[in-house]
Amino acid sequence: MSIDARSPAHQYLHLIEYKDIETYNAINKIFRYVNDQEYEPTREQREIIEYLLKEFEKVHRNDKNSKGKPLIQYKYKKRCL
């Protein structure tokens, strides 16, 4: 499961890595496992990733960047299972 370096998903993973290394490591572990299995993520894997992202967003929902703008942008939350 590769993510384009120019995509919002890639940027979001860097943000997660910076703010919450444990969540980042958990998501990254799932991505590595999916890559090794050589087929699309299972529904369970997608649900785990979704859960981890929602928990991260709940904890950091009020965080702001250095310019006072919301850290978690709308484009990061736009995803589908």
N, C-alpha and C. Protein backbone atom coordinates (compact mmCIF):
# COMPACT_ATOMS: atom_id res chain seq x y z
N MET A 1 0.86 -1.17 0.00
CA MET A 1 0.00 0.00 0.00
C MET A 1 0.90 1.22 0.00
N SER A 2 1.15 1.79 -1.15
CA SER A 2 2.02 2.95 -1.21
C SER A 2 1.19 4.23 -1.25
N ILE A 3 1.77 5.28 -0.71
CA ILE A 3 1.10 6.58 -0.66
C ILE A 3 1.98 7.58 -1.39
N ASP A 4 1.40 8.26 -2.36
CA ASP A 4 2.10 9.27 -3.13
C ASP A 4 2.63 10.37 -2.20
N ALA A 5 3.91 10.69 -2.33
CA ALA A 5 4.54 11.67 -1.45
C ALA A 5 3.92 13.06 -1.56
N ARG A 6 3.19 13.33 -2.64
CA ARG A 6 2.57 14.64 -2.81
C ARG A 6 1.13 14.68 -2.29
N SER A 7 0.64 13.55 -1.84
CA SER A 7 -0.77 13.46 -1.45
C SER A 7 -1.00 14.00 -0.05
N PRO A 8 -2.24 14.43 0.23
CA PRO A 8 -2.59 14.84 1.59
C PRO A 8 -2.37 13.71 2.59
N ALA A 9 -2.57 12.47 2.16
CA ALA A 9 -2.38 11.33 3.07
C ALA A 9 -0.93 11.25 3.54
N HIS A 10 -0.01 11.50 2.63
CA HIS A 10 1.41 11.47 2.99
C HIS A 10 1.73 12.60 3.98
N GLN A 11 1.21 13.78 3.71
CA GLN A 11 1.41 14.92 4.61
C GLN A 11 0.81 14.62 5.99
N TYR A 12 -0.36 13.99 5.98
CA TYR A 12 -1.05 13.67 7.23
C TYR A 12 -0.23 12.67 8.05
N LEU A 13 0.35 11.68 7.39
CA LEU A 13 1.19 10.72 8.11
C LEU A 13 2.38 11.40 8.77
N HIS A 14 2.97 12.39 8.11
CA HIS A 14 4.08 13.13 8.72
C HIS A 14 3.59 13.90 9.94
N LEU A 15 2.41 14.48 9.84
CA LEU A 15 1.83 15.20 10.98
C LEU A 15 1.61 14.25 12.15
N ILE A 16 1.05 13.08 11.87
CA ILE A 16 0.80 12.09 12.91
C ILE A 16 2.13 11.64 13.53
N GLU A 17 3.13 11.43 12.69
CA GLU A 17 4.45 11.03 13.19
C GLU A 17 5.00 12.08 14.15
N TYR A 18 4.84 13.33 13.81
CA TYR A 18 5.35 14.43 14.63
C TYR A 18 4.59 14.56 15.96
N LYS A 19 3.26 14.42 15.91
CA LYS A 19 2.43 14.66 17.09
C LYS A 19 2.23 13.43 17.98
N ASP A 20 2.23 12.23 17.39
CA ASP A 20 1.88 11.02 18.14
C ASP A 20 2.58 9.80 17.53
N ILE A 21 3.79 9.58 17.96
CA ILE A 21 4.62 8.53 17.36
C ILE A 21 4.01 7.14 17.55
N GLU A 22 3.30 6.91 18.64
CA GLU A 22 2.70 5.59 18.86
C GLU A 22 1.62 5.29 17.82
N THR A 23 0.78 6.27 17.55
CA THR A 23 -0.26 6.09 16.53
C THR A 23 0.39 5.90 15.16
N TYR A 24 1.39 6.70 14.88
CA TYR A 24 2.10 6.57 13.61
C TYR A 24 2.68 5.17 13.45
N ASN A 25 3.33 4.67 14.49
CA ASN A 25 3.93 3.33 14.42
C ASN A 25 2.88 2.26 14.21
N ALA A 26 1.72 2.39 14.85
CA ALA A 26 0.65 1.41 14.69
C ALA A 26 0.12 1.42 13.25
N ILE A 27 -0.10 2.60 12.70
CA ILE A 27 -0.59 2.71 11.32
C ILE A 27 0.47 2.17 10.35
N ASN A 28 1.70 2.55 10.58
CA ASN A 28 2.79 2.11 9.71
C ASN A 28 2.94 0.59 9.74
N LYS A 29 2.77 -0.01 10.90
CA LYS A 29 2.86 -1.47 11.03
C LYS A 29 1.78 -2.15 10.17
N ILE A 30 0.58 -1.60 10.20
CA ILE A 30 -0.51 -2.16 9.38
C ILE A 30 -0.17 -2.00 7.89
N PHE A 31 0.33 -0.83 7.51
CA PHE A 31 0.69 -0.60 6.11
C PHE A 31 1.77 -1.59 5.64
N ARG A 32 2.76 -1.83 6.49
CA ARG A 32 3.82 -2.78 6.12
C ARG A 32 3.25 -4.19 5.96
N TYR A 33 2.33 -4.56 6.86
CA TYR A 33 1.70 -5.87 6.78
C TYR A 33 0.90 -6.00 5.49
N VAL A 34 0.16 -4.95 5.15
CA VAL A 34 -0.64 -4.96 3.91
C VAL A 34 0.28 -5.09 2.70
N ASN A 35 1.39 -4.39 2.69
CA ASN A 35 2.35 -4.51 1.59
C ASN A 35 2.86 -5.94 1.46
N ASP A 36 3.13 -6.58 2.57
CA ASP A 36 3.63 -7.95 2.55
C ASP A 36 2.58 -8.95 2.07
N GLN A 37 1.32 -8.69 2.35
CA GLN A 37 0.28 -9.64 1.95
C GLN A 37 -0.04 -9.55 0.46
N GLU A 38 0.37 -8.47 -0.19
CA GLU A 38 0.27 -8.30 -1.65
C GLU A 38 -1.16 -8.29 -2.20
N TYR A 39 -2.11 -7.88 -1.40
CA TYR A 39 -3.46 -7.62 -1.89
C TYR A 39 -4.07 -6.50 -1.06
N GLU A 40 -5.20 -6.03 -1.51
CA GLU A 40 -5.85 -4.90 -0.86
C GLU A 40 -6.04 -5.14 0.63
N PRO A 41 -6.05 -4.07 1.41
CA PRO A 41 -6.29 -4.24 2.85
C PRO A 41 -7.66 -4.88 3.09
N THR A 42 -7.74 -5.69 4.11
CA THR A 42 -9.02 -6.30 4.47
C THR A 42 -9.90 -5.24 5.13
N ARG A 43 -11.15 -5.56 5.26
CA ARG A 43 -12.09 -4.65 5.93
C ARG A 43 -11.63 -4.38 7.36
N GLU A 44 -11.17 -5.41 8.03
CA GLU A 44 -10.71 -5.26 9.42
C GLU A 44 -9.51 -4.31 9.49
N GLN A 45 -8.57 -4.45 8.56
CA GLN A 45 -7.40 -3.57 8.54
C GLN A 45 -7.83 -2.12 8.30
N ARG A 46 -8.75 -1.93 7.38
CA ARG A 46 -9.25 -0.58 7.11
C ARG A 46 -9.94 0.02 8.33
N GLU A 47 -10.71 -0.81 9.02
CA GLU A 47 -11.41 -0.33 10.21
C GLU A 47 -10.44 0.03 11.33
N ILE A 48 -9.37 -0.73 11.47
CA ILE A 48 -8.36 -0.41 12.49
C ILE A 48 -7.69 0.93 12.16
N ILE A 49 -7.32 1.12 10.91
CA ILE A 49 -6.70 2.38 10.49
C ILE A 49 -7.68 3.53 10.73
N GLU A 50 -8.92 3.35 10.35
CA GLU A 50 -9.94 4.39 10.56
C GLU A 50 -10.08 4.72 12.04
N TYR A 51 -10.10 3.71 12.88
CA TYR A 51 -10.20 3.93 14.33
C TYR A 51 -9.01 4.74 14.84
N LEU A 52 -7.80 4.35 14.43
CA LEU A 52 -6.60 5.06 14.87
C LEU A 52 -6.63 6.53 14.43
N LEU A 53 -7.07 6.77 13.19
CA LEU A 53 -7.14 8.15 12.69
C LEU A 53 -8.18 8.96 13.46
N LYS A 54 -9.33 8.37 13.72
CA LYS A 54 -10.38 9.08 14.46
C LYS A 54 -9.94 9.41 15.89
N GLU A 55 -9.25 8.48 16.52
CA GLU A 55 -8.74 8.74 17.87
C GLU A 55 -7.70 9.87 17.85
N PHE A 56 -6.81 9.85 16.87
CA PHE A 56 -5.83 10.92 16.73
C PHE A 56 -6.54 12.26 16.54
N GLU A 57 -7.56 12.27 15.68
CA GLU A 57 -8.29 13.50 15.40
C GLU A 57 -9.06 13.99 16.63
N LYS A 58 -9.55 13.07 17.44
CA LYS A 58 -10.27 13.46 18.64
C LYS A 58 -9.31 14.13 19.64
N VAL A 59 -8.16 13.55 19.81
CA VAL A 59 -7.17 14.08 20.77
C VAL A 59 -6.61 15.42 20.30
N HIS A 60 -6.40 15.58 19.02
CA HIS A 60 -5.71 16.78 18.49
C HIS A 60 -6.66 17.74 17.75
N ARG A 61 -7.95 17.60 17.94
CA ARG A 61 -8.92 18.41 17.19
C ARG A 61 -8.77 19.91 17.41
N ASN A 62 -8.28 20.32 18.55
CA ASN A 62 -8.15 21.75 18.83
C ASN A 62 -6.74 22.29 18.64
N ASP A 63 -5.82 21.45 18.20
CA ASP A 63 -4.44 21.89 17.99
C ASP A 63 -4.36 22.86 16.82
N LYS A 64 -3.46 23.83 16.96
CA LYS A 64 -3.25 24.83 15.91
C LYS A 64 -1.79 24.80 15.47
N ASN A 65 -1.58 25.23 14.23
CA ASN A 65 -0.20 25.34 13.76
C ASN A 65 0.39 26.67 14.21
N SER A 66 1.59 26.97 13.80
CA SER A 66 2.27 28.20 14.25
C SER A 66 1.57 29.47 13.77
N LYS A 67 0.74 29.36 12.75
CA LYS A 67 -0.01 30.52 12.24
C LYS A 67 -1.41 30.60 12.83
N GLY A 68 -1.72 29.71 13.77
CA GLY A 68 -3.02 29.74 14.43
C GLY A 68 -4.13 29.03 13.67
N LYS A 69 -3.78 28.33 12.61
CA LYS A 69 -4.77 27.61 11.83
C LYS A 69 -4.91 26.18 12.37
N PRO A 70 -6.08 25.56 12.15
CA PRO A 70 -6.25 24.18 12.63
C PRO A 70 -5.18 23.25 12.07
N LEU A 71 -4.63 22.43 12.93
CA LEU A 71 -3.58 21.50 12.52
C LEU A 71 -4.14 20.41 11.63
N ILE A 72 -5.31 19.89 11.97
CA ILE A 72 -5.92 18.83 11.19
C ILE A 72 -6.86 19.47 10.17
N GLN A 73 -6.43 19.49 8.94
CA GLN A 73 -7.18 20.13 7.86
C GLN A 73 -8.29 19.22 7.35
N TYR A 74 -9.30 19.84 6.76
CA TYR A 74 -10.43 19.09 6.21
C TYR A 74 -9.97 18.03 5.21
N LYS A 75 -9.00 18.38 4.37
CA LYS A 75 -8.55 17.44 3.33
C LYS A 75 -7.97 16.16 3.95
N TYR A 76 -7.48 16.25 5.20
CA TYR A 76 -6.96 15.05 5.86
C TYR A 76 -8.09 14.13 6.31
N LYS A 77 -9.24 14.73 6.62
CA LYS A 77 -10.35 13.94 7.13
C LYS A 77 -11.18 13.33 6.00
N LYS A 78 -10.97 13.78 4.77
CA LYS A 78 -11.73 13.29 3.63
C LYS A 78 -11.16 11.95 3.17
N ARG A 79 -11.84 10.90 3.57
CA ARG A 79 -11.37 9.55 3.20
C ARG A 79 -12.57 8.61 3.20
N CYS A 80 -12.37 7.43 2.66
CA CYS A 80 -13.44 6.45 2.63
C CYS A 80 -12.89 5.09 3.02
N LEU A 81 -13.75 4.26 3.56
CA LEU A 81 -13.35 2.90 3.91
C LEU A 81 -13.43 2.11 2.68
